Amino acid sequence: MAEYKYIFGPVPSRRLGRSLGVDLTPYKTCTQDCVFCQLGRTTKKTITRREYVPTEEVLDELGQWLKRDGRADHITLSGSGEPTLHSRFGEILRFVRKNSTSRAVLLTNGSLFHLPQVRREASEAHIVKISLSAWDQASYRWVNRPHPHLDFKEVIGGQKAFRIEFKGEMWIEVFIVAGMNSIPSDVSKIAALTDLLKPDLVHLNTAVRPPAEDFVAPLSRERLATLCHLFRPPAEVIAEHKNQGGIEIRANEEAIISLLKRRPCTARDIARVFGIHFNEASKFLGNLLRQGRIRTERTNGSLYYDATTKEQTGPCPCVNTVAKNTASTSKVSQGFRGNDSRNKR
C-alpha cells in the first residue's frame, strides 16, 4: 500500500460507503471549535483562506491512487479541519470529476458560504454535506464555538444562497448533544432552518467517538429517532457503518496511523476498514501503543484509539467518560440557560 500524505483510506463511511478522504488543512485548522468534534479542540481557529497544503502535491497523490487502485464509491474532502479554508479546494473537486468515476463530496461546516468564491468552488462537488447544530448566535457560540468574526445569520444566509445556486445533492447533518441542543423545542428551531435550505437528506448524529469536551454526552438512538419527524424530509439517524465487503485495503502500521490521525477508531473499526481479523487488528494496535504512536480513550463503553500528534500532548487515560459526561452536561446546560436571556423556555 502506497504511503500518502494528504489522502487516506478508502474508509467505510456511515453515509458514503467506501470513501477516499482528502485532507487539505493541517491538524485542527478550522473556523469553529465544536464541543463534539472527534478530533479534539481546534488548535488554529481562523477564517483566513489560503493554500494550506500544496495543491499540486494533492493532485499528484490522487493521480497515483487512481492509477494504482482507484476503487471507491466517493472521494471526499474532509479530514483534519475545514476544507473550504483551502483556497484551491475547487480545483481538487474538478480533478475528481474529470478523472474518476467516484463521486466528489465536500464535507463542510458551511461557515464560509457567505463568500461567493467558496460557493462557486463548492458547486464543483456532486454532494455537499453541511453541518448545522444551532439555531441562533447564542447557541452557535455555545455548541460550535466559531471564530469571533462569524455571524450566524450571515452563515445561514450564505448556505441559503448556495442552495439556490447548487445543482447537486445537498445533505445536512445535525449533531445533537444531550442537554445542549437536544430538547424538542430547540431541535424544532434547527429543523426550521434546515427547511429553508431544502436539503435532499437530513442526518441526525450524536457523540459516538470521543468528543473534544468531556461534558459532551450522547443521545440514545431511541431518543434521536423521536426527533426525526421534525425535519423535512424526515431525518435519518446515522448508525455505525457495517462493512459489506468489496474493496480490500492492505493493513500495515502506517496505513492504520494515517487513518487514526483523522478519526478515532475501535479495534473492530480497524478490522472492518482493512478486512482483517479482530486479533490481527489488535496486534497492530498493540505494537503501535508500545511504540507510543497511538493512545486510547474509553467512551460510551468502547475503547477508541487515536494517533498522537504534536498538538496532542499529555496522557489520554483510559477512563469511562459517560458518567462524568452526564453530570457535567447537566451543570453546563443549566448555566447556559441561566446566563442567556434569549434562551427562554
C-alpha atoms as a PDB file:
ATOM      1  CA  MET A   1       0.000   0.000   0.000  1.00  0.00           C
ATOM      2  CA  ALA A   2       1.495   3.354  -1.060  1.00  0.00           C
ATOM      3  CA  GLU A   3       2.170   5.945   1.609  1.00  0.00           C
ATOM      4  CA  TYR A   4       0.300   9.197   1.127  1.00  0.00           C
ATOM      5  CA  LYS A   5       0.465  12.466   2.999  1.00  0.00           C
ATOM      6  CA  TYR A   6      -2.816  14.092   2.010  1.00  0.00           C
ATOM      7  CA  ILE A   7      -5.158  11.239   1.106  1.00  0.00           C
ATOM      8  CA  PHE A   8      -6.289   8.374   3.307  1.00  0.00           C
ATOM      9  CA  GLY A   9      -8.427   5.288   3.039  1.00  0.00           C
ATOM     10  CA  PRO A  10     -10.743   4.372   1.460  1.00  0.00           C
ATOM     11  CA  VAL A  11     -12.554   4.083   4.779  1.00  0.00           C
ATOM     12  CA  PRO A  12     -16.078   2.791   5.445  1.00  0.00           C
ATOM     13  CA  SER A  13     -18.391   5.749   5.910  1.00  0.00           C
ATOM     14  CA  ARG A  14     -21.817   5.698   7.521  1.00  0.00           C
ATOM     15  CA  ARG A  15     -23.084   7.895   4.707  1.00  0.00           C
ATOM     16  CA  LEU A  16     -20.827   7.309   1.739  1.00  0.00           C
ATOM     17  CA  GLY A  17     -19.891   3.653   1.608  1.00  0.00           C
ATOM     18  CA  ARG A  18     -16.200   3.315   0.719  1.00  0.00           C
ATOM     19  CA  SER A  19     -14.832   6.841   0.813  1.00  0.00           C
ATOM     20  CA  LEU A  20     -11.319   8.066  -0.028  1.00  0.00           C
ATOM     21  CA  GLY A  21     -10.505  11.034   2.205  1.00  0.00           C
ATOM     22  CA  VAL A  22      -8.598  14.112   1.057  1.00  0.00           C
ATOM     23  CA  ASP A  23      -7.110  16.246   3.842  1.00  0.00           C
ATOM     24  CA  LEU A  24      -6.500  19.896   2.887  1.00  0.00           C
ATOM     25  CA  THR A  25      -5.556  21.544   6.187  1.00  0.00           C
ATOM     26  CA  PRO A  26      -3.068  20.981   8.992  1.00  0.00           C
ATOM     27  CA  TYR A  27      -4.394  19.246  12.095  1.00  0.00           C
ATOM     28  CA  LYS A  28      -7.443  21.064  13.555  1.00  0.00           C
ATOM     29  CA  THR A  29      -7.242  24.186  11.412  1.00  0.00           C
ATOM     30  CA  CYS A  30     -10.881  25.224  11.394  1.00  0.00           C
ATOM     31  CA  THR A  31     -13.317  28.114  11.517  1.00  0.00           C
ATOM     32  CA  GLN A  32     -15.025  26.541  14.547  1.00  0.00           C
ATOM     33  CA  ASP A  33     -14.149  24.659  17.722  1.00  0.00           C
ATOM     34  CA  CYS A  34     -17.169  22.385  18.109  1.00  0.00           C
ATOM     35  CA  VAL A  35     -17.566  20.825  21.540  1.00  0.00           C
ATOM     36  CA  PHE A  36     -18.387  17.453  19.958  1.00  0.00           C
ATOM     37  CA  CYS A  37     -15.524  17.230  17.436  1.00  0.00           C
ATOM     38  CA  GLN A  38     -13.988  13.759  17.369  1.00  0.00           C
ATOM     39  CA  LEU A  39     -10.569  15.265  16.561  1.00  0.00           C
ATOM     40  CA  GLY A  40     -10.379  17.279  19.760  1.00  0.00           C
ATOM     41  CA  ARG A  41     -10.163  21.037  20.282  1.00  0.00           C
ATOM     42  CA  THR A  42      -9.275  23.354  17.419  1.00  0.00           C
ATOM     43  CA  THR A  43      -5.628  24.384  17.616  1.00  0.00           C
ATOM     44  CA  LYS A  44      -5.826  27.070  14.897  1.00  0.00           C
ATOM     45  CA  LYS A  45      -9.171  28.853  14.681  1.00  0.00           C
ATOM     46  CA  THR A  46      -9.183  31.028  11.588  1.00  0.00           C
ATOM     47  CA  ILE A  47     -11.292  32.362   8.722  1.00  0.00           C
ATOM     48  CA  THR A  48      -8.262  33.136   6.555  1.00  0.00           C
ATOM     49  CA  ARG A  49      -8.341  31.222   3.290  1.00  0.00           C
ATOM     50  CA  ARG A  50      -5.028  30.187   1.750  1.00  0.00           C
ATOM     51  CA  GLU A  51      -3.274  27.198   0.215  1.00  0.00           C
ATOM     52  CA  TYR A  52      -2.642  25.343   3.473  1.00  0.00           C
ATOM     53  CA  VAL A  53      -1.220  22.280   1.706  1.00  0.00           C
ATOM     54  CA  PRO A  54       0.300  22.235  -1.809  1.00  0.00           C
ATOM     55  CA  THR A  55      -2.464  21.662  -4.354  1.00  0.00           C
ATOM     56  CA  GLU A  56      -0.131  20.101  -6.918  1.00  0.00           C
ATOM     57  CA  GLU A  57       1.041  17.511  -4.378  1.00  0.00           C
ATOM     58  CA  VAL A  58      -2.555  16.626  -3.506  1.00  0.00           C
ATOM     59  CA  LEU A  59      -3.414  16.220  -7.199  1.00  0.00           C
ATOM     60  CA  ASP A  60      -0.286  14.117  -7.719  1.00  0.00           C
ATOM     61  CA  GLU A  61      -1.288  11.780  -4.883  1.00  0.00           C
ATOM     62  CA  LEU A  62      -4.805  11.480  -6.267  1.00  0.00           C
ATOM     63  CA  GLY A  63      -3.399  10.703  -9.705  1.00  0.00           C
ATOM     64  CA  GLN A  64      -1.149   7.993  -8.260  1.00  0.00           C
ATOM     65  CA  TRP A  65      -4.021   6.487  -6.296  1.00  0.00           C
ATOM     66  CA  LEU A  66      -6.283   6.456  -9.347  1.00  0.00           C
ATOM     67  CA  LYS A  67      -3.633   4.595 -11.351  1.00  0.00           C
ATOM     68  CA  ARG A  68      -2.812   2.078  -8.597  1.00  0.00           C
ATOM     69  CA  ASP A  69      -6.286   1.458  -7.224  1.00  0.00           C
ATOM     70  CA  GLY A  70      -8.998   3.987  -7.978  1.00  0.00           C
ATOM     71  CA  ARG A  71     -11.804   1.975  -6.398  1.00  0.00           C
ATOM     72  CA  ALA A  72     -14.056   3.968  -4.091  1.00  0.00           C
ATOM     73  CA  ASP A  73     -17.689   5.000  -4.018  1.00  0.00           C
ATOM     74  CA  HIS A  74     -16.805   8.603  -3.219  1.00  0.00           C
ATOM     75  CA  ILE A  75     -13.767  10.863  -2.949  1.00  0.00           C
ATOM     76  CA  THR A  76     -14.362  13.195  -0.048  1.00  0.00           C
ATOM     77  CA  LEU A  77     -12.754  16.472   1.008  1.00  0.00           C
ATOM     78  CA  SER A  78     -12.626  16.078   4.784  1.00  0.00           C
ATOM     79  CA  GLY A  79     -10.014  15.206   7.373  1.00  0.00           C
ATOM     80  CA  SER A  80      -8.246  17.371   9.929  1.00  0.00           C
ATOM     81  CA  GLY A  81     -10.061  20.690   9.572  1.00  0.00           C
ATOM     82  CA  GLU A  82     -12.426  22.803   7.444  1.00  0.00           C
ATOM     83  CA  PRO A  83     -11.671  22.071   3.754  1.00  0.00           C
ATOM     84  CA  THR A  84     -13.165  25.319   2.402  1.00  0.00           C
ATOM     85  CA  LEU A  85     -10.341  27.201   4.138  1.00  0.00           C
ATOM     86  CA  HIS A  86      -8.093  25.848   1.380  1.00  0.00           C
ATOM     87  CA  SER A  87      -8.075  28.495  -1.330  1.00  0.00           C
ATOM     88  CA  ARG A  88      -7.939  25.957  -4.203  1.00  0.00           C
ATOM     89  CA  PHE A  89     -10.270  23.217  -2.993  1.00  0.00           C
ATOM     90  CA  GLY A  90     -12.459  23.708  -6.072  1.00  0.00           C
ATOM     91  CA  GLU A  91      -9.588  22.585  -8.334  1.00  0.00           C
ATOM     92  CA  ILE A  92      -9.382  19.322  -6.452  1.00  0.00           C
ATOM     93  CA  LEU A  93     -13.126  18.707  -6.815  1.00  0.00           C
ATOM     94  CA  ARG A  94     -12.860  19.419 -10.555  1.00  0.00           C
ATOM     95  CA  PHE A  95      -9.949  16.973 -10.861  1.00  0.00           C
ATOM     96  CA  VAL A  96     -12.017  14.244  -9.221  1.00  0.00           C
ATOM     97  CA  ARG A  97     -14.972  14.857 -11.516  1.00  0.00           C
ATOM     98  CA  LYS A  98     -12.773  14.831 -14.612  1.00  0.00           C
ATOM     99  CA  ASN A  99     -10.525  11.886 -13.796  1.00  0.00           C
ATOM    100  CA  SER A 100     -12.551   9.496 -11.637  1.00  0.00           C
ATOM    101  CA  THR A 101     -15.792   7.597 -11.735  1.00  0.00           C
ATOM    102  CA  SER A 102     -16.168   8.196  -7.972  1.00  0.00           C
ATOM    103  CA  ARG A 103     -18.500  10.962  -6.871  1.00  0.00           C
ATOM    104  CA  ALA A 104     -16.878  14.104  -5.473  1.00  0.00           C
ATOM    105  CA  VAL A 105     -18.027  15.036  -1.964  1.00  0.00           C
ATOM    106  CA  LEU A 106     -17.408  18.082   0.221  1.00  0.00           C
ATOM    107  CA  LEU A 107     -17.905  17.740   3.988  1.00  0.00           C
ATOM    108  CA  THR A 108     -18.075  21.247   5.441  1.00  0.00           C
ATOM    109  CA  ASN A 109     -19.406  23.205   8.390  1.00  0.00           C
ATOM    110  CA  GLY A 110     -20.760  25.727   5.877  1.00  0.00           C
ATOM    111  CA  SER A 111     -19.382  28.714   7.775  1.00  0.00           C
ATOM    112  CA  LEU A 112     -17.748  30.372   4.742  1.00  0.00           C
ATOM    113  CA  PHE A 113     -20.593  30.079   2.242  1.00  0.00           C
ATOM    114  CA  HIS A 114     -21.311  33.784   2.548  1.00  0.00           C
ATOM    115  CA  LEU A 115     -18.229  34.170   0.297  1.00  0.00           C
ATOM    116  CA  PRO A 116     -19.204  33.892  -3.405  1.00  0.00           C
ATOM    117  CA  GLN A 117     -15.882  32.244  -4.297  1.00  0.00           C
ATOM    118  CA  VAL A 118     -16.448  29.472  -1.751  1.00  0.00           C
ATOM    119  CA  ARG A 119     -19.933  28.846  -3.147  1.00  0.00           C
ATOM    120  CA  ARG A 120     -18.593  28.651  -6.701  1.00  0.00           C
ATOM    121  CA  GLU A 121     -15.861  26.191  -5.728  1.00  0.00           C
ATOM    122  CA  ALA A 122     -18.227  24.055  -3.621  1.00  0.00           C
ATOM    123  CA  SER A 123     -20.558  23.763  -6.623  1.00  0.00           C
ATOM    124  CA  GLU A 124     -17.949  21.502  -8.271  1.00  0.00           C
ATOM    125  CA  ALA A 125     -18.956  18.682  -5.900  1.00  0.00           C
ATOM    126  CA  HIS A 126     -21.603  16.064  -6.605  1.00  0.00           C
ATOM    127  CA  ILE A 127     -22.619  16.094  -2.926  1.00  0.00           C
ATOM    128  CA  VAL A 128     -22.146  18.819  -0.310  1.00  0.00           C
ATOM    129  CA  LYS A 129     -22.824  17.865   3.305  1.00  0.00           C
ATOM    130  CA  ILE A 130     -23.222  20.804   5.691  1.00  0.00           C
ATOM    131  CA  SER A 131     -23.342  20.510   9.463  1.00  0.00           C
ATOM    132  CA  LEU A 132     -25.948  22.524  11.375  1.00  0.00           C
ATOM    133  CA  SER A 133     -26.365  22.180  15.137  1.00  0.00           C
ATOM    134  CA  ALA A 134     -27.508  25.635  16.311  1.00  0.00           C
ATOM    135  CA  TRP A 135     -30.438  27.987  15.752  1.00  0.00           C
ATOM    136  CA  ASP A 136     -29.133  31.471  16.704  1.00  0.00           C
ATOM    137  CA  GLN A 137     -25.923  33.290  17.594  1.00  0.00           C
ATOM    138  CA  ALA A 138     -26.035  32.279  21.255  1.00  0.00           C
ATOM    139  CA  SER A 139     -26.448  28.566  20.553  1.00  0.00           C
ATOM    140  CA  TYR A 140     -23.870  28.815  17.754  1.00  0.00           C
ATOM    141  CA  ARG A 141     -21.315  30.198  20.223  1.00  0.00           C
ATOM    142  CA  TRP A 142     -22.255  27.540  22.742  1.00  0.00           C
ATOM    143  CA  VAL A 143     -22.179  24.410  20.583  1.00  0.00           C
ATOM    144  CA  ASN A 144     -19.828  25.324  17.721  1.00  0.00           C
ATOM    145  CA  ARG A 145     -17.595  27.997  19.323  1.00  0.00           C
ATOM    146  CA  PRO A 146     -16.989  29.799  15.998  1.00  0.00           C
ATOM    147  CA  HIS A 147     -14.325  32.335  15.066  1.00  0.00           C
ATOM    148  CA  PRO A 148     -15.422  35.660  16.606  1.00  0.00           C
ATOM    149  CA  HIS A 149     -15.957  37.258  13.186  1.00  0.00           C
ATOM    150  CA  LEU A 150     -18.541  34.673  12.138  1.00  0.00           C
ATOM    151  CA  ASP A 151     -22.168  35.800  12.388  1.00  0.00           C
ATOM    152  CA  PHE A 152     -24.796  33.065  12.471  1.00  0.00           C
ATOM    153  CA  LYS A 153     -27.329  34.945  10.357  1.00  0.00           C
ATOM    154  CA  GLU A 154     -24.680  35.586   7.710  1.00  0.00           C
ATOM    155  CA  VAL A 155     -23.632  31.925   7.826  1.00  0.00           C
ATOM    156  CA  ILE A 156     -27.211  30.747   7.224  1.00  0.00           C
ATOM    157  CA  GLY A 157     -27.683  33.394   4.522  1.00  0.00           C
ATOM    158  CA  GLY A 158     -24.645  32.044   2.697  1.00  0.00           C
ATOM    159  CA  GLN A 159     -25.970  28.500   2.898  1.00  0.00           C
ATOM    160  CA  LYS A 160     -29.348  29.603   1.516  1.00  0.00           C
ATOM    161  CA  ALA A 161     -27.611  31.352  -1.399  1.00  0.00           C
ATOM    162  CA  PHE A 162     -25.606  28.204  -2.077  1.00  0.00           C
ATOM    163  CA  ARG A 163     -28.730  26.026  -2.123  1.00  0.00           C
ATOM    164  CA  ILE A 164     -30.216  28.285  -4.816  1.00  0.00           C
ATOM    165  CA  GLU A 165     -27.064  28.083  -6.946  1.00  0.00           C
ATOM    166  CA  PHE A 166     -26.105  24.430  -6.391  1.00  0.00           C
ATOM    167  CA  LYS A 167     -27.368  21.782  -8.813  1.00  0.00           C
ATOM    168  CA  GLY A 168     -26.054  18.735  -6.940  1.00  0.00           C
ATOM    169  CA  GLU A 169     -27.188  16.976  -3.774  1.00  0.00           C
ATOM    170  CA  MET A 170     -27.150  18.911  -0.510  1.00  0.00           C
ATOM    171  CA  TRP A 171     -27.198  16.991   2.747  1.00  0.00           C
ATOM    172  CA  ILE A 172     -27.444  18.391   6.261  1.00  0.00           C
ATOM    173  CA  GLU A 173     -26.080  16.709   9.358  1.00  0.00           C
ATOM    174  CA  VAL A 174     -27.475  17.819  12.702  1.00  0.00           C
ATOM    175  CA  PHE A 175     -25.281  16.863  15.638  1.00  0.00           C
ATOM    176  CA  ILE A 176     -27.253  16.525  18.865  1.00  0.00           C
ATOM    177  CA  VAL A 177     -25.626  16.859  22.286  1.00  0.00           C
ATOM    178  CA  ALA A 178     -27.633  15.927  25.389  1.00  0.00           C
ATOM    179  CA  GLY A 179     -28.509  18.990  27.441  1.00  0.00           C
ATOM    180  CA  MET A 180     -27.197  21.478  24.873  1.00  0.00           C
ATOM    181  CA  ASN A 181     -29.402  21.312  21.781  1.00  0.00           C
ATOM    182  CA  SER A 182     -31.468  18.189  22.413  1.00  0.00           C
ATOM    183  CA  ILE A 183     -34.857  19.312  23.743  1.00  0.00           C
ATOM    184  CA  PRO A 184     -37.573  19.115  21.071  1.00  0.00           C
ATOM    185  CA  SER A 185     -38.280  22.866  21.079  1.00  0.00           C
ATOM    186  CA  ASP A 186     -34.637  23.613  20.234  1.00  0.00           C
ATOM    187  CA  VAL A 187     -34.407  20.825  17.662  1.00  0.00           C
ATOM    188  CA  SER A 188     -37.559  22.286  16.072  1.00  0.00           C
ATOM    189  CA  LYS A 189     -35.734  25.601  15.623  1.00  0.00           C
ATOM    190  CA  ILE A 190     -32.854  23.817  13.901  1.00  0.00           C
ATOM    191  CA  ALA A 191     -35.374  21.920  11.764  1.00  0.00           C
ATOM    192  CA  ALA A 192     -36.980  25.210  10.686  1.00  0.00           C
ATOM    193  CA  LEU A 193     -33.605  26.389   9.387  1.00  0.00           C
ATOM    194  CA  THR A 194     -32.943  23.153   7.546  1.00  0.00           C
ATOM    195  CA  ASP A 195     -36.336  23.513   5.891  1.00  0.00           C
ATOM    196  CA  LEU A 196     -35.209  26.870   4.476  1.00  0.00           C
ATOM    197  CA  LEU A 197     -32.185  25.128   2.960  1.00  0.00           C
ATOM    198  CA  LYS A 198     -34.317  22.450   1.222  1.00  0.00           C
ATOM    199  CA  PRO A 199     -31.846  19.594   1.664  1.00  0.00           C
ATOM    200  CA  ASP A 200     -32.061  16.292  -0.156  1.00  0.00           C
ATOM    201  CA  LEU A 201     -31.246  14.377   3.040  1.00  0.00           C
ATOM    202  CA  VAL A 202     -31.078  15.174   6.763  1.00  0.00           C
ATOM    203  CA  HIS A 203     -28.964  13.078   9.133  1.00  0.00           C
ATOM    204  CA  LEU A 204     -29.077  13.103  12.932  1.00  0.00           C
ATOM    205  CA  ASN A 205     -25.827  12.291  14.679  1.00  0.00           C
ATOM    206  CA  THR A 206     -24.546  12.266  18.254  1.00  0.00           C
ATOM    207  CA  ALA A 207     -21.310  11.693  20.164  1.00  0.00           C
ATOM    208  CA  VAL A 208     -20.169   8.143  19.421  1.00  0.00           C
ATOM    209  CA  ARG A 209     -16.422   8.685  19.249  1.00  0.00           C
ATOM    210  CA  PRO A 210     -14.508  10.603  21.957  1.00  0.00           C
ATOM    211  CA  PRO A 211     -15.530  14.295  21.735  1.00  0.00           C
ATOM    212  CA  ALA A 212     -13.444  17.441  22.193  1.00  0.00           C
ATOM    213  CA  GLU A 213     -15.023  18.144  25.596  1.00  0.00           C
ATOM    214  CA  ASP A 214     -15.741  15.526  28.221  1.00  0.00           C
ATOM    215  CA  PHE A 215     -19.031  17.176  29.205  1.00  0.00           C
ATOM    216  CA  VAL A 216     -20.467  16.190  25.810  1.00  0.00           C
ATOM    217  CA  ALA A 217     -22.967  13.366  26.262  1.00  0.00           C
ATOM    218  CA  PRO A 218     -24.727  11.426  23.502  1.00  0.00           C
ATOM    219  CA  LEU A 219     -28.417  10.868  22.952  1.00  0.00           C
ATOM    220  CA  SER A 220     -29.601   7.304  22.640  1.00  0.00           C
ATOM    221  CA  ARG A 221     -30.615   6.062  19.220  1.00  0.00           C
ATOM    222  CA  GLU A 222     -34.187   5.792  20.532  1.00  0.00           C
ATOM    223  CA  ARG A 223     -34.219   9.449  21.600  1.00  0.00           C
ATOM    224  CA  LEU A 224     -32.795  10.549  18.276  1.00  0.00           C
ATOM    225  CA  ALA A 225     -35.483   8.571  16.459  1.00  0.00           C
ATOM    226  CA  THR A 226     -38.206  10.568  18.240  1.00  0.00           C
ATOM    227  CA  LEU A 227     -36.796  13.768  16.673  1.00  0.00           C
ATOM    228  CA  CYS A 228     -36.707  12.620  13.053  1.00  0.00           C
ATOM    229  CA  HIS A 229     -40.261  13.705  12.257  1.00  0.00           C
ATOM    230  CA  LEU A 230     -39.406  17.347  12.998  1.00  0.00           C
ATOM    231  CA  PHE A 231     -37.433  17.600   9.751  1.00  0.00           C
ATOM    232  CA  ARG A 232     -38.372  17.757   6.062  1.00  0.00           C
ATOM    233  CA  PRO A 233     -37.543  15.354   4.611  1.00  0.00           C
ATOM    234  CA  PRO A 234     -37.751  13.240   7.781  1.00  0.00           C
ATOM    235  CA  ALA A 235     -34.277  12.839   9.239  1.00  0.00           C
ATOM    236  CA  GLU A 236     -32.380   9.576   9.331  1.00  0.00           C
ATOM    237  CA  VAL A 237     -30.433   8.506  12.410  1.00  0.00           C
ATOM    238  CA  ILE A 238     -26.922   7.652  11.297  1.00  0.00           C
ATOM    239  CA  ALA A 239     -25.927   4.206  12.513  1.00  0.00           C
ATOM    240  CA  GLU A 240     -22.415   2.842  12.777  1.00  0.00           C
ATOM    241  CA  HIS A 241     -21.277   1.582   9.401  1.00  0.00           C
ATOM    242  CA  LYS A 242     -21.171  -2.155   8.871  1.00  0.00           C
ATOM    243  CA  ASN A 243     -18.711  -3.314   6.251  1.00  0.00           C
ATOM    244  CA  GLN A 244     -20.436  -5.046   3.353  1.00  0.00           C
ATOM    245  CA  GLY A 245     -17.205  -6.376   1.858  1.00  0.00           C
ATOM    246  CA  GLY A 246     -15.861  -5.391  -1.521  1.00  0.00           C
ATOM    247  CA  ILE A 247     -12.702  -3.303  -1.696  1.00  0.00           C
ATOM    248  CA  GLU A 248      -9.757  -4.790   0.148  1.00  0.00           C
ATOM    249  CA  ILE A 249      -7.295  -2.410   1.790  1.00  0.00           C
ATOM    250  CA  ARG A 250      -3.946  -3.793   2.870  1.00  0.00           C
ATOM    251  CA  ALA A 251      -3.209  -3.293   6.551  1.00  0.00           C
ATOM    252  CA  ASN A 252       0.107  -2.036   7.863  1.00  0.00           C
ATOM    253  CA  GLU A 253       1.140   0.240  10.717  1.00  0.00           C
ATOM    254  CA  GLU A 254       1.487   3.350   8.553  1.00  0.00           C
ATOM    255  CA  ALA A 255      -1.929   2.876   6.962  1.00  0.00           C
ATOM    256  CA  ILE A 256      -3.501   2.470  10.397  1.00  0.00           C
ATOM    257  CA  ILE A 257      -1.697   5.580  11.715  1.00  0.00           C
ATOM    258  CA  SER A 258      -2.896   7.562   8.688  1.00  0.00           C
ATOM    259  CA  LEU A 259      -6.485   6.615   9.483  1.00  0.00           C
ATOM    260  CA  LEU A 260      -6.205   7.274  13.233  1.00  0.00           C
ATOM    261  CA  LYS A 261      -4.830  10.761  12.607  1.00  0.00           C
ATOM    262  CA  ARG A 262      -8.177  11.659  11.070  1.00  0.00           C
ATOM    263  CA  ARG A 263     -10.653   9.740  13.208  1.00  0.00           C
ATOM    264  CA  PRO A 264     -10.587   7.695  16.422  1.00  0.00           C
ATOM    265  CA  CYS A 265     -11.429   4.035  15.840  1.00  0.00           C
ATOM    266  CA  THR A 266     -12.023   0.891  17.846  1.00  0.00           C
ATOM    267  CA  ALA A 267     -10.137  -2.323  17.106  1.00  0.00           C
ATOM    268  CA  ARG A 268     -13.270  -3.642  15.395  1.00  0.00           C
ATOM    269  CA  ASP A 269     -13.382  -0.488  13.241  1.00  0.00           C
ATOM    270  CA  ILE A 270      -9.791  -1.146  12.171  1.00  0.00           C
ATOM    271  CA  ALA A 271     -10.611  -4.780  11.410  1.00  0.00           C
ATOM    272  CA  ARG A 272     -13.593  -3.717   9.253  1.00  0.00           C
ATOM    273  CA  VAL A 273     -11.683  -0.998   7.376  1.00  0.00           C
ATOM    274  CA  PHE A 274      -8.790  -3.272   6.412  1.00  0.00           C
ATOM    275  CA  GLY A 275     -10.722  -6.518   6.111  1.00  0.00           C
ATOM    276  CA  ILE A 276      -8.619  -8.324   8.707  1.00  0.00           C
ATOM    277  CA  HIS A 277      -9.412 -10.451  11.734  1.00  0.00           C
ATOM    278  CA  PHE A 278     -10.016  -8.675  15.041  1.00  0.00           C
ATOM    279  CA  ASN A 279      -6.962 -10.421  16.552  1.00  0.00           C
ATOM    280  CA  GLU A 280      -4.715  -9.160  13.762  1.00  0.00           C
ATOM    281  CA  ALA A 281      -6.023  -5.619  14.241  1.00  0.00           C
ATOM    282  CA  SER A 282      -5.334  -5.913  17.966  1.00  0.00           C
ATOM    283  CA  LYS A 283      -1.735  -6.953  17.265  1.00  0.00           C
ATOM    284  CA  PHE A 284      -1.130  -3.904  15.063  1.00  0.00           C
ATOM    285  CA  LEU A 285      -2.663  -1.628  17.698  1.00  0.00           C
ATOM    286  CA  GLY A 286      -0.666  -3.251  20.489  1.00  0.00           C
ATOM    287  CA  ASN A 287       2.587  -2.637  18.608  1.00  0.00           C
ATOM    288  CA  LEU A 288       1.663   0.996  17.963  1.00  0.00           C
ATOM    289  CA  LEU A 289       0.762   1.506  21.624  1.00  0.00           C
ATOM    290  CA  ARG A 290       4.126   0.105  22.722  1.00  0.00           C
ATOM    291  CA  GLN A 291       5.856   2.480  20.303  1.00  0.00           C
ATOM    292  CA  GLY A 292       3.942   5.407  21.817  1.00  0.00           C
ATOM    293  CA  ARG A 293       2.451   6.324  18.442  1.00  0.00           C
ATOM    294  CA  ILE A 294      -1.195   5.963  19.445  1.00  0.00           C
ATOM    295  CA  ARG A 295      -3.218   6.390  22.628  1.00  0.00           C
ATOM    296  CA  THR A 296      -6.523   5.134  23.965  1.00  0.00           C
ATOM    297  CA  GLU A 297      -9.686   6.529  25.480  1.00  0.00           C
ATOM    298  CA  ARG A 298     -12.789   4.725  26.657  1.00  0.00           C
ATOM    299  CA  THR A 299     -16.023   6.420  25.598  1.00  0.00           C
ATOM    300  CA  ASN A 300     -19.584   5.090  25.776  1.00  0.00           C
ATOM    301  CA  GLY A 301     -18.280   1.693  26.814  1.00  0.00           C
ATOM    302  CA  SER A 302     -15.932   1.297  23.812  1.00  0.00           C
ATOM    303  CA  LEU A 303     -12.147   1.622  23.680  1.00  0.00           C
ATOM    304  CA  TYR A 304     -11.024   4.049  20.976  1.00  0.00           C
ATOM    305  CA  TYR A 305      -7.533   4.540  19.550  1.00  0.00           C
ATOM    306  CA  ASP A 306      -6.168   7.733  18.038  1.00  0.00           C
ATOM    307  CA  ALA A 307      -2.782   8.843  16.768  1.00  0.00           C
ATOM    308  CA  THR A 308      -0.655  11.058  18.979  1.00  0.00           C
ATOM    309  CA  THR A 309       0.398  14.348  17.401  1.00  0.00           C
ATOM    310  CA  LYS A 310       2.470  17.343  18.365  1.00  0.00           C
ATOM    311  CA  GLU A 311      -0.740  19.154  19.211  1.00  0.00           C
ATOM    312  CA  GLN A 312      -1.952  16.264  21.418  1.00  0.00           C
ATOM    313  CA  THR A 313       0.430  16.368  24.354  1.00  0.00           C
ATOM    314  CA  GLY A 314      -0.029  14.653  27.684  1.00  0.00           C
ATOM    315  CA  PRO A 315      -1.644  11.353  28.544  1.00  0.00           C
ATOM    316  CA  CYS A 316      -5.012  10.198  27.312  1.00  0.00           C
ATOM    317  CA  PRO A 317      -6.163   7.961  30.163  1.00  0.00           C
ATOM    318  CA  CYS A 318      -8.490   5.026  29.545  1.00  0.00           C
ATOM    319  CA  VAL A 319     -11.423   6.244  31.580  1.00  0.00           C
ATOM    320  CA  ASN A 320     -15.086   5.778  31.050  1.00  0.00           C
ATOM    321  CA  THR A 321     -16.362   9.279  30.412  1.00  0.00           C
ATOM    322  CA  VAL A 322     -20.068   8.511  30.279  1.00  0.00           C
ATOM    323  CA  ALA A 323     -20.863   9.108  33.943  1.00  0.00           C
ATOM    324  CA  LYS A 324     -18.939  12.369  34.180  1.00  0.00           C
ATOM    325  CA  ASN A 325     -20.340  13.464  30.800  1.00  0.00           C
ATOM    326  CA  THR A 326     -23.866  13.203  32.146  1.00  0.00           C
ATOM    327  CA  ALA A 327     -23.142  15.086  35.349  1.00  0.00           C
ATOM    328  CA  SER A 328     -21.086  17.771  33.658  1.00  0.00           C
ATOM    329  CA  THR A 329     -23.597  18.300  30.872  1.00  0.00           C
ATOM    330  CA  SER A 330     -26.352  18.920  33.388  1.00  0.00           C
ATOM    331  CA  LYS A 331     -24.312  21.623  35.118  1.00  0.00           C
ATOM    332  CA  VAL A 332     -23.143  23.241  31.889  1.00  0.00           C
ATOM    333  CA  SER A 333     -26.541  23.239  30.224  1.00  0.00           C
ATOM    334  CA  GLN A 334     -28.121  24.780  33.309  1.00  0.00           C
ATOM    335  CA  GLY A 335     -25.520  27.523  33.199  1.00  0.00           C
ATOM    336  CA  PHE A 336     -26.223  28.152  29.506  1.00  0.00           C
ATOM    337  CA  ARG A 337     -29.928  28.539  30.039  1.00  0.00           C
ATOM    338  CA  GLY A 338     -29.444  30.644  33.129  1.00  0.00           C
ATOM    339  CA  ASN A 339     -26.994  33.061  31.507  1.00  0.00           C
ATOM    340  CA  ASP A 340     -28.646  33.549  28.136  1.00  0.00           C
ATOM    341  CA  SER A 341     -31.773  35.643  28.421  1.00  0.00           C
ATOM    342  CA  ARG A 342     -32.698  34.832  24.821  1.00  0.00           C
ATOM    343  CA  ASN A 343     -32.960  31.124  25.502  1.00  0.00           C
ATOM    344  CA  LYS A 344     -36.249  31.121  27.398  1.00  0.00           C
ATOM    345  CA  ARG A 345     -38.473  28.096  27.531  1.00  0.00           C
END
